[in-house]
Amino acid sequence: MGNAIKTGLTPGLYLVATPIGTARDITLRALDILASADVVAAEDTRSLRKLMDIHGVALGDRPLLAYHDHNGDKVRPRLLEALSAGKSVVYASEAGTPLVADPGFDLARAVVAEGYALVSAPGPSAVITALTLAGLPTDKFLFAGFLPNATGRRKSALSELKDVPATLVFYESPKRIAAMLSNAAEVLGGERQAAVCRELTKKFEEILRGTLDELAATCAARTLKGEIVVVIDRAGSVIVSETDLEEKIIDALRTRTVRDAADVVSAELGLPRRRVYQLALKLAGTD
């Protein structure tokens, strides 16, 4: 059975995160749950069967049900019926974490409303993976999913996010990426730093970094393939060298405590407060 250990699961719905590219990016706990649940449900049953086969997890005679946006109303009652009978149900989206720009919300909400146990087995997420690779602030972020298709509605949605004091994260398609970046540059400001992350964890993973103007030009001149995550810096955030940062902190320390200096400098530069505070402690000789 590979690495999976079959165990008795408490009745409830288990939300299992699956790899976004590399099959080995799955947790041992996820494999245990997939091997042990009484009922298996998936956004894409073929993808899940393949993943289970790779890791030696046998389906046996357990039911495998497709559950997605197009059949949720029909399949959801069957899954709730299994829960009412005291069974354990596992649900996996095609890739990544269920409910995060993936199906499963209505099912999870119904499970909570009925008083059944809801369990998360965390794991891969394209949002978090992109944030760790973008080179932009991660202390505060807002995931906005996919922007609207129509240009006017897309610009309107971007306008609503313009002054959000957090790094912005979007999913995007290869066909729309150039237009999306162009609209973002127009609405948010072309000098904002951003990153285009595609094919994360896969063979052709690529991270493009630069200003929105630069990335819009790059993506207009070439054809990108694969799944894409766009990460955009927060409003007012700037790229600052370590030397400039130290000078700012030293200047602030002349008239302020370490804590107050860190607050002022981090707010002025749009940098994570923890980073600024740790450096301020060092420069003040109190670390």
Foldseek 3Di string as FASTA:
>chain_A
DALADADADFQFEEWAAAAPADLVQGDNVSRNCLQHFQAEEECDQVLVVVSCVVRVRDPPPGYYYHDAPVCPVPCLVVVVVCSVVGTHYYYYYSHGTPPQLGDDPVSVVVRVVVPGDYHYDHTDDPQVLCVVVQPAADPFEDEDEAFDPDLVRNLVVLLVQQQPLHKYKYKDAQVCPLVSLVSNCVRNNQQWKKWKWFPPPHPPTDIDIGGSVVVSVVSVVDGDHGIIMMITYHPQADDDDPVVLLVQLVVLVVPDDLLVSLVVSCVNRVHDSVVSSVVSCVVVVND
